[in-house]
C-alpha atoms as a PDB file:
ATOM      1  CA  MET A   1     -36.942  65.822 263.948  1.00  0.00           C
ATOM      2  CA  THR A   2     -34.198  68.317 263.227  1.00  0.00           C
ATOM      3  CA  LYS A   3     -34.755  71.819 262.306  1.00  0.00           C
ATOM      4  CA  ARG A   4     -35.738  72.453 258.789  1.00  0.00           C
ATOM      5  CA  ILE A   5     -32.832  73.542 256.563  1.00  0.00           C
ATOM      6  CA  ASN A   6     -33.395  75.466 253.470  1.00  0.00           C
ATOM      7  CA  ASP A   7     -29.672  75.479 252.485  1.00  0.00           C
ATOM      8  CA  THR A   8     -29.286  72.594 249.962  1.00  0.00           C
ATOM      9  CA  LYS A   9     -25.487  72.349 250.397  1.00  0.00           C
ATOM     10  CA  GLN A  10     -25.856  72.166 254.172  1.00  0.00           C
ATOM     11  CA  ARG A  11     -28.444  69.486 253.970  1.00  0.00           C
ATOM     12  CA  GLU A  12     -26.361  67.414 251.467  1.00  0.00           C
ATOM     13  CA  LYS A  13     -23.358  67.713 253.745  1.00  0.00           C
ATOM     14  CA  GLN A  14     -25.485  66.698 256.759  1.00  0.00           C
ATOM     15  CA  ILE A  15     -26.845  63.622 254.979  1.00  0.00           C
ATOM     16  CA  VAL A  16     -23.258  62.657 253.783  1.00  0.00           C
ATOM     17  CA  GLN A  17     -21.818  62.972 257.314  1.00  0.00           C
ATOM     18  CA  ALA A  18     -24.623  60.921 258.754  1.00  0.00           C
ATOM     19  CA  ALA A  19     -24.264  58.233 256.056  1.00  0.00           C
ATOM     20  CA  GLN A  20     -20.521  58.079 256.654  1.00  0.00           C
ATOM     21  CA  LYS A  21     -21.103  57.526 260.327  1.00  0.00           C
ATOM     22  CA  ILE A  22     -23.792  54.758 259.784  1.00  0.00           C
ATOM     23  CA  PHE A  23     -21.835  53.051 257.006  1.00  0.00           C
ATOM     24  CA  LEU A  24     -18.780  52.805 259.333  1.00  0.00           C
ATOM     25  CA  LYS A  25     -20.870  51.584 262.255  1.00  0.00           C
ATOM     26  CA  LYS A  26     -23.062  49.054 260.430  1.00  0.00           C
ATOM     27  CA  GLY A  27     -21.310  48.457 257.037  1.00  0.00           C
ATOM     28  CA  TYR A  28     -22.754  49.264 253.717  1.00  0.00           C
ATOM     29  CA  PHE A  29     -24.992  46.341 253.233  1.00  0.00           C
ATOM     30  CA  ARG A  30     -26.605  46.393 256.610  1.00  0.00           C
ATOM     31  CA  THR A  31     -27.301  50.150 256.490  1.00  0.00           C
ATOM     32  CA  THR A  32     -30.593  51.380 255.154  1.00  0.00           C
ATOM     33  CA  ILE A  33     -31.774  54.760 253.831  1.00  0.00           C
ATOM     34  CA  ASP A  34     -34.106  54.795 256.875  1.00  0.00           C
ATOM     35  CA  ASP A  35     -31.095  54.479 259.194  1.00  0.00           C
ATOM     36  CA  ILE A  36     -29.479  57.440 257.624  1.00  0.00           C
ATOM     37  CA  ALA A  37     -32.633  59.367 257.622  1.00  0.00           C
ATOM     38  CA  ALA A  38     -33.080  58.663 261.328  1.00  0.00           C
ATOM     39  CA  GLU A  39     -29.474  59.762 262.028  1.00  0.00           C
ATOM     40  CA  VAL A  40     -30.167  63.110 260.244  1.00  0.00           C
ATOM     41  CA  GLY A  41     -33.586  63.482 261.814  1.00  0.00           C
ATOM     42  CA  VAL A  42     -35.530  63.649 258.484  1.00  0.00           C
ATOM     43  CA  VAL A  43     -37.797  61.284 256.657  1.00  0.00           C
ATOM     44  CA  ARG A  44     -36.586  58.793 254.068  1.00  0.00           C
ATOM     45  CA  GLY A  45     -37.880  60.947 251.188  1.00  0.00           C
ATOM     46  CA  THR A  46     -35.602  63.787 252.167  1.00  0.00           C
ATOM     47  CA  VAL A  47     -32.452  61.559 251.783  1.00  0.00           C
ATOM     48  CA  LEU A  48     -33.745  60.196 248.552  1.00  0.00           C
ATOM     49  CA  HIS A  49     -34.424  63.594 247.299  1.00  0.00           C
ATOM     50  CA  TYR A  50     -30.658  64.503 247.485  1.00  0.00           C
ATOM     51  CA  TYR A  51     -29.372  61.061 246.791  1.00  0.00           C
ATOM     52  CA  ASN A  52     -31.701  58.776 244.798  1.00  0.00           C
ATOM     53  CA  SER A  53     -29.952  55.503 245.870  1.00  0.00           C
ATOM     54  CA  LYS A  54     -27.767  54.027 248.450  1.00  0.00           C
ATOM     55  CA  GLU A  55     -25.039  53.640 245.858  1.00  0.00           C
ATOM     56  CA  LYS A  56     -25.091  57.340 244.935  1.00  0.00           C
ATOM     57  CA  LEU A  57     -24.925  58.167 248.669  1.00  0.00           C
ATOM     58  CA  MET A  58     -21.874  56.002 249.078  1.00  0.00           C
ATOM     59  CA  GLU A  59     -20.228  57.716 246.146  1.00  0.00           C
ATOM     60  CA  ALA A  60     -20.896  61.080 247.867  1.00  0.00           C
ATOM     61  CA  VAL A  61     -19.379  59.650 251.156  1.00  0.00           C
ATOM     62  CA  LEU A  62     -16.327  58.449 249.353  1.00  0.00           C
ATOM     63  CA  ASN A  63     -15.893  61.686 247.496  1.00  0.00           C
ATOM     64  CA  HIS A  64     -16.483  63.805 250.494  1.00  0.00           C
ATOM     65  CA  LYS A  65     -12.968  63.939 251.972  1.00  0.00           C
ATOM     66  CA  ASP A  66     -11.308  64.914 248.596  1.00  0.00           C
ATOM     67  CA  ASP A  67     -13.073  68.247 248.135  1.00  0.00           C
ATOM     68  CA  SER A  68     -10.080  70.404 248.721  1.00  0.00           C
ATOM     69  CA  PHE A  69      -7.227  67.899 248.086  1.00  0.00           C
ATOM     70  CA  ILE A  70      -7.043  67.998 244.340  1.00  0.00           C
ATOM     71  CA  PRO A  71      -7.236  71.907 243.950  1.00  0.00           C
ATOM     72  CA  TYR A  72      -4.518  72.112 246.635  1.00  0.00           C
ATOM     73  CA  VAL A  73      -2.182  69.690 244.846  1.00  0.00           C
ATOM     74  CA  ILE A  74      -2.824  71.534 241.601  1.00  0.00           C
ATOM     75  CA  LYS A  75      -1.988  74.854 243.258  1.00  0.00           C
ATOM     76  CA  ILE A  76       1.298  73.450 244.484  1.00  0.00           C
ATOM     77  CA  MET A  77       2.177  72.043 241.080  1.00  0.00           C
ATOM     78  CA  GLU A  78       1.518  75.470 239.542  1.00  0.00           C
ATOM     79  CA  ASN A  79       3.372  77.544 242.124  1.00  0.00           C
ATOM     80  CA  GLN A  80       6.179  79.331 240.222  1.00  0.00           C
ATOM     81  CA  ASP A  81       7.612  80.755 243.441  1.00  0.00           C
ATOM     82  CA  ILE A  82       9.352  77.451 244.409  1.00  0.00           C
ATOM     83  CA  SER A  83      11.459  75.116 242.339  1.00  0.00           C
ATOM     84  CA  VAL A  84      10.202  72.189 240.383  1.00  0.00           C
ATOM     85  CA  THR A  85      12.060  69.839 242.807  1.00  0.00           C
ATOM     86  CA  GLU A  86      10.374  71.432 245.819  1.00  0.00           C
ATOM     87  CA  ARG A  87       6.972  71.103 244.152  1.00  0.00           C
ATOM     88  CA  LEU A  88       7.502  67.448 243.418  1.00  0.00           C
ATOM     89  CA  CYS A  89       8.493  66.794 247.084  1.00  0.00           C
ATOM     90  CA  LYS A  90       5.471  68.625 248.308  1.00  0.00           C
ATOM     91  CA  VAL A  91       3.266  66.623 245.930  1.00  0.00           C
ATOM     92  CA  ILE A  92       4.758  63.328 247.186  1.00  0.00           C
ATOM     93  CA  GLU A  93       4.194  64.470 250.754  1.00  0.00           C
ATOM     94  CA  LEU A  94       0.561  65.398 250.151  1.00  0.00           C
ATOM     95  CA  CYS A  95      -0.118  62.139 248.284  1.00  0.00           C
ATOM     96  CA  SER A  96       1.373  60.245 251.331  1.00  0.00           C
ATOM     97  CA  GLU A  97      -0.664  62.244 253.795  1.00  0.00           C
ATOM     98  CA  GLN A  98      -3.900  61.793 251.844  1.00  0.00           C
ATOM     99  CA  PHE A  99      -3.221  58.047 251.626  1.00  0.00           C
ATOM    100  CA  SER A 100      -2.631  57.897 255.408  1.00  0.00           C
ATOM    101  CA  ASN A 101      -5.865  59.862 256.118  1.00  0.00           C
ATOM    102  CA  VAL A 102      -8.061  57.804 253.728  1.00  0.00           C
ATOM    103  CA  LYS A 103      -6.653  54.363 254.343  1.00  0.00           C
ATOM    104  CA  PRO A 104      -8.247  53.859 257.794  1.00  0.00           C
ATOM    105  CA  GLN A 105     -11.678  54.738 256.356  1.00  0.00           C
ATOM    106  CA  LEU A 106     -11.198  52.327 253.513  1.00  0.00           C
ATOM    107  CA  ILE A 107     -10.180  49.507 255.955  1.00  0.00           C
ATOM    108  CA  ARG A 108     -13.454  50.011 257.830  1.00  0.00           C
ATOM    109  CA  TYR A 109     -15.240  49.500 254.486  1.00  0.00           C
ATOM    110  CA  GLN A 110     -13.137  46.412 253.746  1.00  0.00           C
ATOM    111  CA  ARG A 111     -15.874  43.902 254.334  1.00  0.00           C
ATOM    112  CA  ASP A 112     -17.748  45.588 251.599  1.00  0.00           C
ATOM    113  CA  TYR A 113     -14.684  46.504 249.641  1.00  0.00           C
ATOM    114  CA  GLU A 114     -15.395  44.520 246.439  1.00  0.00           C
ATOM    115  CA  LYS A 115     -18.577  46.514 246.053  1.00  0.00           C
ATOM    116  CA  PHE A 116     -16.789  49.818 246.324  1.00  0.00           C
ATOM    117  CA  ARG A 117     -13.718  48.905 244.159  1.00  0.00           C
ATOM    118  CA  PHE A 118     -15.585  50.048 241.057  1.00  0.00           C
ATOM    119  CA  LEU A 119     -16.703  53.254 242.815  1.00  0.00           C
ATOM    120  CA  LEU A 120     -13.220  53.954 244.058  1.00  0.00           C
ATOM    121  CA  ASP A 121     -11.751  53.361 240.668  1.00  0.00           C
ATOM    122  CA  GLN A 122     -14.258  55.697 239.002  1.00  0.00           C
ATOM    123  CA  MET A 123     -13.274  58.487 241.513  1.00  0.00           C
ATOM    124  CA  ARG A 124      -9.556  57.769 241.032  1.00  0.00           C
ATOM    125  CA  ILE A 125      -9.806  57.965 237.211  1.00  0.00           C
ATOM    126  CA  GLN A 126     -11.608  61.366 237.418  1.00  0.00           C
ATOM    127  CA  THR A 127      -8.681  62.516 239.679  1.00  0.00           C
ATOM    128  CA  PHE A 128      -6.169  61.117 237.151  1.00  0.00           C
ATOM    129  CA  TYR A 129      -7.624  63.312 234.404  1.00  0.00           C
ATOM    130  CA  GLN A 130      -7.646  66.363 236.590  1.00  0.00           C
ATOM    131  CA  LEU A 131      -3.998  66.008 237.518  1.00  0.00           C
ATOM    132  CA  CYS A 132      -2.554  65.115 234.101  1.00  0.00           C
ATOM    133  CA  GLU A 133      -2.403  68.528 232.543  1.00  0.00           C
ATOM    134  CA  PRO A 134      -1.055  70.419 235.625  1.00  0.00           C
ATOM    135  CA  PHE A 135       1.632  67.658 236.059  1.00  0.00           C
ATOM    136  CA  GLN A 136       2.608  68.139 232.434  1.00  0.00           C
ATOM    137  CA  LYS A 137       3.068  71.852 233.081  1.00  0.00           C
ATOM    138  CA  LEU A 138       5.190  70.968 236.002  1.00  0.00           C
ATOM    139  CA  LEU A 139       7.386  68.728 233.829  1.00  0.00           C
ATOM    140  CA  ASP A 140       7.498  71.599 231.226  1.00  0.00           C
ATOM    141  CA  ASP A 141       8.810  73.864 233.991  1.00  0.00           C
ATOM    142  CA  GLY A 142      11.346  71.311 235.000  1.00  0.00           C
ATOM    143  CA  CYS A 143      12.608  71.161 231.477  1.00  0.00           C
ATOM    144  CA  LYS A 144      12.907  74.895 231.301  1.00  0.00           C
ATOM    145  CA  GLU A 145      14.832  74.900 234.635  1.00  0.00           C
ATOM    146  CA  GLY A 146      17.177  72.246 233.254  1.00  0.00           C
ATOM    147  CA  VAL A 147      15.999  69.677 235.903  1.00  0.00           C
ATOM    148  CA  PHE A 148      14.594  67.299 233.281  1.00  0.00           C
ATOM    149  CA  CYS A 149      15.204  66.487 229.646  1.00  0.00           C
ATOM    150  CA  ILE A 150      11.882  65.003 228.616  1.00  0.00           C
ATOM    151  CA  HIS A 151      11.005  64.930 224.875  1.00  0.00           C
ATOM    152  CA  ASP A 152       7.201  64.289 225.360  1.00  0.00           C
ATOM    153  CA  THR A 153       6.104  65.827 228.699  1.00  0.00           C
ATOM    154  CA  LYS A 154       2.408  65.063 228.113  1.00  0.00           C
ATOM    155  CA  ALA A 155       3.038  61.244 227.677  1.00  0.00           C
ATOM    156  CA  ARG A 156       5.434  61.306 230.640  1.00  0.00           C
ATOM    157  CA  ALA A 157       2.952  63.266 232.878  1.00  0.00           C
ATOM    158  CA  ASN A 158       0.229  60.620 232.011  1.00  0.00           C
ATOM    159  CA  SER A 159       2.658  57.814 232.712  1.00  0.00           C
ATOM    160  CA  ILE A 160       3.679  59.234 236.124  1.00  0.00           C
ATOM    161  CA  VAL A 161       0.137  60.089 237.354  1.00  0.00           C
ATOM    162  CA  PHE A 162      -1.065  56.711 236.259  1.00  0.00           C
ATOM    163  CA  ALA A 163       1.793  54.967 238.107  1.00  0.00           C
ATOM    164  CA  ILE A 164       1.037  56.978 241.204  1.00  0.00           C
ATOM    165  CA  PHE A 165      -2.571  55.982 241.061  1.00  0.00           C
ATOM    166  CA  GLY A 166      -1.623  52.338 240.609  1.00  0.00           C
ATOM    167  CA  VAL A 167       0.472  52.333 243.785  1.00  0.00           C
ATOM    168  CA  THR A 168      -2.034  54.229 245.934  1.00  0.00           C
ATOM    169  CA  GLY A 169      -4.566  51.527 245.114  1.00  0.00           C
ATOM    170  CA  ALA A 170      -2.279  48.845 246.494  1.00  0.00           C
ATOM    171  CA  ASP A 171      -2.798  47.435 249.992  1.00  0.00           C
ATOM    172  CA  ILE A 172       0.606  48.729 251.466  1.00  0.00           C
ATOM    173  CA  SER A 173       1.748  50.738 254.371  1.00  0.00           C
ATOM    174  CA  THR A 174       2.161  54.507 254.206  1.00  0.00           C
ATOM    175  CA  GLU A 175       5.960  54.107 254.468  1.00  0.00           C
ATOM    176  CA  ALA A 176       5.950  51.653 251.473  1.00  0.00           C
ATOM    177  CA  LEU A 177       3.850  54.070 249.549  1.00  0.00           C
ATOM    178  CA  LEU A 178       6.051  56.932 250.289  1.00  0.00           C
ATOM    179  CA  ALA A 179       9.043  54.872 249.094  1.00  0.00           C
ATOM    180  CA  GLU A 180       7.257  53.843 245.893  1.00  0.00           C
ATOM    181  CA  LEU A 181       6.209  57.366 245.038  1.00  0.00           C
ATOM    182  CA  GLN A 182       9.810  58.575 245.368  1.00  0.00           C
ATOM    183  CA  ILE A 183      10.913  55.763 243.081  1.00  0.00           C
ATOM    184  CA  ILE A 184       8.179  56.560 240.531  1.00  0.00           C
ATOM    185  CA  ILE A 185       9.106  60.278 240.427  1.00  0.00           C
ATOM    186  CA  ASP A 186      12.886  59.462 240.308  1.00  0.00           C
ATOM    187  CA  LYS A 187      12.622  56.862 237.575  1.00  0.00           C
ATOM    188  CA  PHE A 188      10.188  58.769 235.465  1.00  0.00           C
ATOM    189  CA  THR A 189      11.970  62.069 235.553  1.00  0.00           C
ATOM    190  CA  GLN A 190      15.612  61.015 235.218  1.00  0.00           C
ATOM    191  CA  SER A 191      17.111  63.400 232.765  1.00  0.00           C
ATOM    192  CA  HIS A 192      18.619  60.673 230.532  1.00  0.00           C
ATOM    193  CA  ILE A 193      15.131  59.222 229.794  1.00  0.00           C
ATOM    194  CA  ASN A 194      13.659  60.735 226.707  1.00  0.00           C
END
């Protein structure tokens, strides 16, 4: 048995890391709560105390890597010290990097992928809502700088972010993703589109 941990966040992290390891090794369907508890060195009830089902635990595993990504992207979008064009380039680079980092993990889950498609889409839609308003502000800044001439920046921001999430959900290479992201940004932000 591992040492007793009184820090809830630390225990949650430990359980999620163990679950990720076991899910990758055995697959979702062949993994049991008991397997995860054994990996952590706790009893089954401890795991269930933090995550009341294997599905909730998988949601936590899939969410685990994204903890700092979204706030970082938002910080870049809101950074008034660099031009709108530079901010867009950085956002595209970050999305591409994130896709590259997460894709191998998703490939490992592929045999159970249909089970997780719904969970992944739920997480992606939450991210969509988090990014729409900051992206609108970025487009507003671009209009002020004269980079864009967009009549309804809210609608355009929603369209761009939705298109980005559509392409990041596709089974394509990182290079193809990067090219598509650039096309999306270029097409949706052309100054003659109103």
